[in-house]
Amino acid sequence: MNIKLELLKRYISDFVNSQINNFEIDPSQIADSTAIQILSEIQKVITDEKYSDFDAIEEIVCIFEKYKIDAGARHDF
């Protein structure tokens, strides 16, 4: 663990959070657009016949990881 790096991360996070309060953001609009993108990527994998069932699941888990969504222990092999 690098203490300076951890302190810098915390400072940047606090700064960004304070700035977010100063302008309007529609979190639903952002989440909806991201969710649609994720679903679109998953749909492409599911409909692509080149993937075996195992490989399709692997690709879907990778999509979750790409968007920093916890996929649980299914990927711990």
PDB file of N, CA and C in Angstrom:
ATOM      1  N   MET A   1       0.843  -1.175   0.000  1.00  0.00           N
ATOM      2  CA  MET A   1       0.000   0.000   0.000  1.00  0.00           C
ATOM      3  C   MET A   1       0.891   1.242   0.000  1.00  0.00           C
ATOM      4  N   ASN A   2       0.601   2.159  -0.902  1.00  0.00           N
ATOM      5  CA  ASN A   2       1.333   3.407  -1.006  1.00  0.00           C
ATOM      6  C   ASN A   2       0.496   4.508  -0.362  1.00  0.00           C
ATOM      7  N   ILE A   3       0.940   5.007   0.783  1.00  0.00           N
ATOM      8  CA  ILE A   3       0.162   5.974   1.553  1.00  0.00           C
ATOM      9  C   ILE A   3      -0.052   7.262   0.767  1.00  0.00           C
ATOM     10  N   LYS A   4       0.977   7.753   0.087  1.00  0.00           N
ATOM     11  CA  LYS A   4       0.825   8.985  -0.680  1.00  0.00           C
ATOM     12  C   LYS A   4      -0.221   8.818  -1.776  1.00  0.00           C
ATOM     13  N   LEU A   5      -0.191   7.682  -2.436  1.00  0.00           N
ATOM     14  CA  LEU A   5      -1.163   7.420  -3.495  1.00  0.00           C
ATOM     15  C   LEU A   5      -2.579   7.333  -2.928  1.00  0.00           C
ATOM     16  N   GLU A   6      -2.734   6.675  -1.795  1.00  0.00           N
ATOM     17  CA  GLU A   6      -4.047   6.576  -1.151  1.00  0.00           C
ATOM     18  C   GLU A   6      -4.570   7.947  -0.750  1.00  0.00           C
ATOM     19  N   LEU A   7      -3.702   8.792  -0.212  1.00  0.00           N
ATOM     20  CA  LEU A   7      -4.112  10.146   0.156  1.00  0.00           C
ATOM     21  C   LEU A   7      -4.492  10.965  -1.068  1.00  0.00           C
ATOM     22  N   LEU A   8      -3.743  10.816  -2.150  1.00  0.00           N
ATOM     23  CA  LEU A   8      -4.048  11.524  -3.388  1.00  0.00           C
ATOM     24  C   LEU A   8      -5.390  11.068  -3.952  1.00  0.00           C
ATOM     25  N   LYS A   9      -5.640   9.777  -3.945  1.00  0.00           N
ATOM     26  CA  LYS A   9      -6.927   9.251  -4.421  1.00  0.00           C
ATOM     27  C   LYS A   9      -8.075   9.837  -3.610  1.00  0.00           C
ATOM     28  N   ARG A  10      -7.902   9.880  -2.307  1.00  0.00           N
ATOM     29  CA  ARG A  10      -8.951  10.405  -1.431  1.00  0.00           C
ATOM     30  C   ARG A  10      -9.202  11.888  -1.715  1.00  0.00           C
ATOM     31  N   TYR A  11      -8.119  12.652  -1.890  1.00  0.00           N
ATOM     32  CA  TYR A  11      -8.243  14.077  -2.180  1.00  0.00           C
ATOM     33  C   TYR A  11      -8.982  14.299  -3.497  1.00  0.00           C
ATOM     34  N   ILE A  12      -8.598  13.567  -4.536  1.00  0.00           N
ATOM     35  CA  ILE A  12      -9.243  13.697  -5.846  1.00  0.00           C
ATOM     36  C   ILE A  12     -10.716  13.309  -5.755  1.00  0.00           C
ATOM     37  N   SER A  13     -11.000  12.235  -5.066  1.00  0.00           N
ATOM     38  CA  SER A  13     -12.384  11.784  -4.901  1.00  0.00           C
ATOM     39  C   SER A  13     -13.217  12.839  -4.182  1.00  0.00           C
ATOM     40  N   ASP A  14     -12.689  13.384  -3.109  1.00  0.00           N
ATOM     41  CA  ASP A  14     -13.413  14.423  -2.367  1.00  0.00           C
ATOM     42  C   ASP A  14     -13.626  15.659  -3.237  1.00  0.00           C
ATOM     43  N   PHE A  15     -12.617  16.035  -4.000  1.00  0.00           N
ATOM     44  CA  PHE A  15     -12.724  17.203  -4.872  1.00  0.00           C
ATOM     45  C   PHE A  15     -13.799  16.997  -5.933  1.00  0.00           C
ATOM     46  N   VAL A  16     -13.769  15.854  -6.591  1.00  0.00           N
ATOM     47  CA  VAL A  16     -14.766  15.566  -7.627  1.00  0.00           C
ATOM     48  C   VAL A  16     -16.164  15.569  -7.025  1.00  0.00           C
ATOM     49  N   ASN A  17     -16.320  14.930  -5.888  1.00  0.00           N
ATOM     50  CA  ASN A  17     -17.635  14.903  -5.223  1.00  0.00           C
ATOM     51  C   ASN A  17     -18.124  16.307  -4.881  1.00  0.00           C
ATOM     52  N   SER A  18     -17.239  17.166  -4.452  1.00  0.00           N
ATOM     53  CA  SER A  18     -17.660  18.529  -4.118  1.00  0.00           C
ATOM     54  C   SER A  18     -18.069  19.297  -5.374  1.00  0.00           C
ATOM     55  N   GLN A  19     -17.425  19.040  -6.484  1.00  0.00           N
ATOM     56  CA  GLN A  19     -17.752  19.734  -7.728  1.00  0.00           C
ATOM     57  C   GLN A  19     -19.052  19.235  -8.337  1.00  0.00           C
ATOM     58  N   ILE A  20     -19.377  17.988  -8.135  1.00  0.00           N
ATOM     59  CA  ILE A  20     -20.609  17.421  -8.675  1.00  0.00           C
ATOM     60  C   ILE A  20     -21.820  18.129  -8.083  1.00  0.00           C
ATOM     61  N   ASN A  21     -21.727  18.557  -6.866  1.00  0.00           N
ATOM     62  CA  ASN A  21     -22.844  19.250  -6.216  1.00  0.00           C
ATOM     63  C   ASN A  21     -23.103  20.624  -6.819  1.00  0.00           C
ATOM     64  N   ASN A  22     -22.166  21.126  -7.607  1.00  0.00           N
ATOM     65  CA  ASN A  22     -22.290  22.471  -8.144  1.00  0.00           C
ATOM     66  C   ASN A  22     -22.946  22.545  -9.519  1.00  0.00           C
ATOM     67  N   PHE A  23     -23.376  21.446 -10.087  1.00  0.00           N
ATOM     68  CA  PHE A  23     -24.093  21.474 -11.359  1.00  0.00           C
ATOM     69  C   PHE A  23     -25.077  20.321 -11.405  1.00  0.00           C
ATOM     70  N   GLU A  24     -26.047  20.464 -12.291  1.00  0.00           N
ATOM     71  CA  GLU A  24     -27.113  19.469 -12.352  1.00  0.00           C
ATOM     72  C   GLU A  24     -26.690  18.259 -13.176  1.00  0.00           C
ATOM     73  N   ILE A  25     -26.939  17.110 -12.610  1.00  0.00           N
ATOM     74  CA  ILE A  25     -26.696  15.841 -13.290  1.00  0.00           C
ATOM     75  C   ILE A  25     -27.958  15.010 -13.139  1.00  0.00           C
ATOM     76  N   ASP A  26     -28.363  14.393 -14.216  1.00  0.00           N
ATOM     77  CA  ASP A  26     -29.509  13.488 -14.147  1.00  0.00           C
ATOM     78  C   ASP A  26     -28.951  12.066 -14.047  1.00  0.00           C
ATOM     79  N   PRO A  27     -28.815  11.534 -12.819  1.00  0.00           N
ATOM     80  CA  PRO A  27     -28.216  10.211 -12.669  1.00  0.00           C
ATOM     81  C   PRO A  27     -29.001   9.123 -13.385  1.00  0.00           C
ATOM     82  N   SER A  28     -30.307   9.289 -13.501  1.00  0.00           N
ATOM     83  CA  SER A  28     -31.110   8.283 -14.210  1.00  0.00           C
ATOM     84  C   SER A  28     -30.735   8.228 -15.685  1.00  0.00           C
ATOM     85  N   GLN A  29     -30.536   9.394 -16.278  1.00  0.00           N
ATOM     86  CA  GLN A  29     -30.171   9.439 -17.691  1.00  0.00           C
ATOM     87  C   GLN A  29     -28.812   8.775 -17.925  1.00  0.00           C
ATOM     88  N   ILE A  30     -27.863   9.037 -17.050  1.00  0.00           N
ATOM     89  CA  ILE A  30     -26.541   8.430 -17.186  1.00  0.00           C
ATOM     90  C   ILE A  30     -26.625   6.924 -16.987  1.00  0.00           C
ATOM     91  N   ALA A  31     -27.319   6.499 -15.944  1.00  0.00           N
ATOM     92  CA  ALA A  31     -27.448   5.068 -15.660  1.00  0.00           C
ATOM     93  C   ALA A  31     -28.197   4.352 -16.772  1.00  0.00           C
ATOM     94  N   ASP A  32     -29.251   4.976 -17.266  1.00  0.00           N
ATOM     95  CA  ASP A  32     -30.028   4.343 -18.336  1.00  0.00           C
ATOM     96  C   ASP A  32     -29.181   4.158 -19.585  1.00  0.00           C
ATOM     97  N   SER A  33     -28.430   5.159 -19.954  1.00  0.00           N
ATOM     98  CA  SER A  33     -27.627   5.041 -21.167  1.00  0.00           C
ATOM     99  C   SER A  33     -26.527   3.989 -20.994  1.00  0.00           C
ATOM    100  N   THR A  34     -25.930   3.922 -19.813  1.00  0.00           N
ATOM    101  CA  THR A  34     -24.914   2.904 -19.544  1.00  0.00           C
ATOM    102  C   THR A  34     -25.542   1.518 -19.527  1.00  0.00           C
ATOM    103  N   ALA A  35     -26.697   1.395 -18.907  1.00  0.00           N
ATOM    104  CA  ALA A  35     -27.378   0.098 -18.849  1.00  0.00           C
ATOM    105  C   ALA A  35     -27.730  -0.393 -20.249  1.00  0.00           C
ATOM    106  N   ILE A  36     -28.198   0.504 -21.097  1.00  0.00           N
ATOM    107  CA  ILE A  36     -28.537   0.122 -22.468  1.00  0.00           C
ATOM    108  C   ILE A  36     -27.282  -0.336 -23.205  1.00  0.00           C
ATOM    109  N   GLN A  37     -26.179   0.343 -23.003  1.00  0.00           N
ATOM    110  CA  GLN A  37     -24.919  -0.055 -23.640  1.00  0.00           C
ATOM    111  C   GLN A  37     -24.499  -1.453 -23.178  1.00  0.00           C
ATOM    112  N   ILE A  38     -24.590  -1.702 -21.872  1.00  0.00           N
ATOM    113  CA  ILE A  38     -24.222  -3.015 -21.332  1.00  0.00           C
ATOM    114  C   ILE A  38     -25.121  -4.103 -21.914  1.00  0.00           C
ATOM    115  N   LEU A  39     -26.435  -3.856 -21.916  1.00  0.00           N
ATOM    116  CA  LEU A  39     -27.365  -4.847 -22.464  1.00  0.00           C
ATOM    117  C   LEU A  39     -27.099  -5.102 -23.938  1.00  0.00           C
ATOM    118  N   SER A  40     -26.768  -4.079 -24.679  1.00  0.00           N
ATOM    119  CA  SER A  40     -26.461  -4.232 -26.097  1.00  0.00           C
ATOM    120  C   SER A  40     -25.235  -5.119 -26.296  1.00  0.00           C
ATOM    121  N   GLU A  41     -24.207  -4.901 -25.486  1.00  0.00           N
ATOM    122  CA  GLU A  41     -23.001  -5.725 -25.576  1.00  0.00           C
ATOM    123  C   GLU A  41     -23.291  -7.179 -25.206  1.00  0.00           C
ATOM    124  N   ILE A  42     -24.084  -7.388 -24.172  1.00  0.00           N
ATOM    125  CA  ILE A  42     -24.445  -8.747 -23.759  1.00  0.00           C
ATOM    126  C   ILE A  42     -25.261  -9.425 -24.855  1.00  0.00           C
ATOM    127  N   GLN A  43     -26.187  -8.696 -25.455  1.00  0.00           N
ATOM    128  CA  GLN A  43     -27.011  -9.258 -26.523  1.00  0.00           C
ATOM    129  C   GLN A  43     -26.147  -9.696 -27.702  1.00  0.00           C
ATOM    130  N   LYS A  44     -25.137  -8.906 -28.048  1.00  0.00           N
ATOM    131  CA  LYS A  44     -24.232  -9.284 -29.141  1.00  0.00           C
ATOM    132  C   LYS A  44     -23.543 -10.612 -28.846  1.00  0.00           C
ATOM    133  N   VAL A  45     -23.133 -10.783 -27.597  1.00  0.00           N
ATOM    134  CA  VAL A  45     -22.457 -12.030 -27.205  1.00  0.00           C
ATOM    135  C   VAL A  45     -23.428 -13.202 -27.289  1.00  0.00           C
ATOM    136  N   ILE A  46     -24.614 -13.027 -26.751  1.00  0.00           N
ATOM    137  CA  ILE A  46     -25.592 -14.115 -26.700  1.00  0.00           C
ATOM    138  C   ILE A  46     -26.008 -14.563 -28.098  1.00  0.00           C
ATOM    139  N   THR A  47     -26.115 -13.622 -29.018  1.00  0.00           N
ATOM    140  CA  THR A  47     -26.584 -13.981 -30.367  1.00  0.00           C
ATOM    141  C   THR A  47     -25.459 -14.417 -31.297  1.00  0.00           C
ATOM    142  N   ASP A  48     -24.215 -14.313 -30.835  1.00  0.00           N
ATOM    143  CA  ASP A  48     -23.077 -14.710 -31.667  1.00  0.00           C
ATOM    144  C   ASP A  48     -22.836 -16.211 -31.521  1.00  0.00           C
ATOM    145  N   GLU A  49     -23.081 -16.940 -32.568  1.00  0.00           N
ATOM    146  CA  GLU A  49     -22.976 -18.412 -32.545  1.00  0.00           C
ATOM    147  C   GLU A  49     -21.541 -18.915 -32.412  1.00  0.00           C
ATOM    148  N   LYS A  50     -20.566 -18.053 -32.573  1.00  0.00           N
ATOM    149  CA  LYS A  50     -19.173 -18.521 -32.474  1.00  0.00           C
ATOM    150  C   LYS A  50     -18.788 -18.872 -31.040  1.00  0.00           C
ATOM    151  N   TYR A  51     -19.561 -18.368 -30.062  1.00  0.00           N
ATOM    152  CA  TYR A  51     -19.249 -18.647 -28.662  1.00  0.00           C
ATOM    153  C   TYR A  51     -19.937 -19.924 -28.188  1.00  0.00           C
ATOM    154  N   SER A  52     -19.170 -20.757 -27.484  1.00  0.00           N
ATOM    155  CA  SER A  52     -19.794 -21.868 -26.756  1.00  0.00           C
ATOM    156  C   SER A  52     -20.505 -21.248 -25.555  1.00  0.00           C
ATOM    157  N   ASP A  53     -21.317 -22.036 -24.872  1.00  0.00           N
ATOM    158  CA  ASP A  53     -22.000 -21.515 -23.690  1.00  0.00           C
ATOM    159  C   ASP A  53     -20.997 -20.992 -22.661  1.00  0.00           C
ATOM    160  N   PHE A  54     -19.937 -21.759 -22.435  1.00  0.00           N
ATOM    161  CA  PHE A  54     -18.916 -21.353 -21.468  1.00  0.00           C
ATOM    162  C   PHE A  54     -18.271 -20.039 -21.897  1.00  0.00           C
ATOM    163  N   ASP A  55     -17.886 -19.941 -23.179  1.00  0.00           N
ATOM    164  CA  ASP A  55     -17.232 -18.735 -23.671  1.00  0.00           C
ATOM    165  C   ASP A  55     -18.166 -17.529 -23.632  1.00  0.00           C
ATOM    166  N   ALA A  56     -19.452 -17.753 -23.871  1.00  0.00           N
ATOM    167  CA  ALA A  56     -20.425 -16.655 -23.807  1.00  0.00           C
ATOM    168  C   ALA A  56     -20.501 -16.105 -22.381  1.00  0.00           C
ATOM    169  N   ILE A  57     -20.546 -17.005 -21.410  1.00  0.00           N
ATOM    170  CA  ILE A  57     -20.568 -16.568 -20.008  1.00  0.00           C
ATOM    171  C   ILE A  57     -19.293 -15.807 -19.677  1.00  0.00           C
ATOM    172  N   GLU A  58     -18.175 -16.318 -20.143  1.00  0.00           N
ATOM    173  CA  GLU A  58     -16.894 -15.649 -19.921  1.00  0.00           C
ATOM    174  C   GLU A  58     -16.918 -14.227 -20.499  1.00  0.00           C
ATOM    175  N   GLU A  59     -17.424 -14.074 -21.685  1.00  0.00           N
ATOM    176  CA  GLU A  59     -17.501 -12.756 -22.320  1.00  0.00           C
ATOM    177  C   GLU A  59     -18.436 -11.823 -21.546  1.00  0.00           C
ATOM    178  N   ILE A  60     -19.541 -12.347 -21.070  1.00  0.00           N
ATOM    179  CA  ILE A  60     -20.482 -11.534 -20.293  1.00  0.00           C
ATOM    180  C   ILE A  60     -19.844 -11.082 -18.982  1.00  0.00           C
ATOM    181  N   VAL A  61     -19.112 -11.970 -18.331  1.00  0.00           N
ATOM    182  CA  VAL A  61     -18.402 -11.600 -17.105  1.00  0.00           C
ATOM    183  C   VAL A  61     -17.391 -10.494 -17.414  1.00  0.00           C
ATOM    184  N   CYS A  62     -16.719 -10.598 -18.548  1.00  0.00           N
ATOM    185  CA  CYS A  62     -15.755  -9.557 -18.944  1.00  0.00           C
ATOM    186  C   CYS A  62     -16.446  -8.216 -19.191  1.00  0.00           C
ATOM    187  N   ILE A  63     -17.644  -8.255 -19.725  1.00  0.00           N
ATOM    188  CA  ILE A  63     -18.420  -7.019 -19.915  1.00  0.00           C
ATOM    189  C   ILE A  63     -18.729  -6.399 -18.556  1.00  0.00           C
ATOM    190  N   PHE A  64     -19.147  -7.235 -17.600  1.00  0.00           N
ATOM    191  CA  PHE A  64     -19.395  -6.713 -16.251  1.00  0.00           C
ATOM    192  C   PHE A  64     -18.131  -6.071 -15.682  1.00  0.00           C
ATOM    193  N   GLU A  65     -17.009  -6.743 -15.827  1.00  0.00           N
ATOM    194  CA  GLU A  65     -15.753  -6.213 -15.310  1.00  0.00           C
ATOM    195  C   GLU A  65     -15.392  -4.890 -15.989  1.00  0.00           C
ATOM    196  N   LYS A  66     -15.647  -4.802 -17.279  1.00  0.00           N
ATOM    197  CA  LYS A  66     -15.368  -3.578 -18.039  1.00  0.00           C
ATOM    198  C   LYS A  66     -16.088  -2.381 -17.425  1.00  0.00           C
ATOM    199  N   TYR A  67     -17.309  -2.601 -16.952  1.00  0.00           N
ATOM    200  CA  TYR A  67     -18.098  -1.532 -16.355  1.00  0.00           C
ATOM    201  C   TYR A  67     -18.003  -1.524 -14.822  1.00  0.00           C
ATOM    202  N   LYS A  68     -17.046  -2.283 -14.311  1.00  0.00           N
ATOM    203  CA  LYS A  68     -16.789  -2.362 -12.865  1.00  0.00           C
ATOM    204  C   LYS A  68     -18.017  -2.814 -12.076  1.00  0.00           C
ATOM    205  N   ILE A  69     -18.700  -3.833 -12.627  1.00  0.00           N
ATOM    206  CA  ILE A  69     -19.843  -4.447 -11.964  1.00  0.00           C
ATOM    207  C   ILE A  69     -19.392  -5.812 -11.450  1.00  0.00           C
ATOM    208  N   ASP A  70     -19.608  -6.068 -10.182  1.00  0.00           N
ATOM    209  CA  ASP A  70     -19.182  -7.322  -9.567  1.00  0.00           C
ATOM    210  C   ASP A  70     -19.955  -8.491 -10.168  1.00  0.00           C
ATOM    211  N   ALA A  71     -19.246  -9.452 -10.693  1.00  0.00           N
ATOM    212  CA  ALA A  71     -19.862 -10.636 -11.276  1.00  0.00           C
ATOM    213  C   ALA A  71     -19.810 -11.822 -10.317  1.00  0.00           C
ATOM    214  N   GLY A  72     -19.403 -11.588  -9.095  1.00  0.00           N
ATOM    215  CA  GLY A  72     -19.344 -12.667  -8.107  1.00  0.00           C
ATOM    216  C   GLY A  72     -18.152 -13.583  -8.335  1.00  0.00           C
ATOM    217  N   ALA A  73     -18.249 -14.773  -7.802  1.00  0.00           N
ATOM    218  CA  ALA A  73     -17.144 -15.725  -7.839  1.00  0.00           C
ATOM    219  C   ALA A  73     -17.113 -16.576  -9.106  1.00  0.00           C
ATOM    220  N   ARG A  74     -18.023 -16.353 -10.022  1.00  0.00           N
ATOM    221  CA  ARG A  74     -18.074 -17.172 -11.239  1.00  0.00           C
ATOM    222  C   ARG A  74     -16.792 -17.064 -12.069  1.00  0.00           C
ATOM    223  N   HIS A  75     -16.044 -16.015 -11.854  1.00  0.00           N
ATOM    224  CA  HIS A  75     -14.866 -15.781 -12.685  1.00  0.00           C
ATOM    225  C   HIS A  75     -13.579 -16.163 -11.972  1.00  0.00           C
ATOM    226  N   ASP A  76     -13.676 -16.790 -10.818  1.00  0.00           N
ATOM    227  CA  ASP A  76     -12.503 -17.168 -10.037  1.00  0.00           C
ATOM    228  C   ASP A  76     -12.053 -18.586 -10.371  1.00  0.00           C
ATOM    229  N   PHE A  77     -11.572 -18.769 -11.590  1.00  0.00           N
ATOM    230  CA  PHE A  77     -11.060 -20.095 -11.965  1.00  0.00           C
ATOM    231  C   PHE A  77      -9.709 -19.984 -12.608  1.00  0.00           C
TER     232      PHE A  77
END
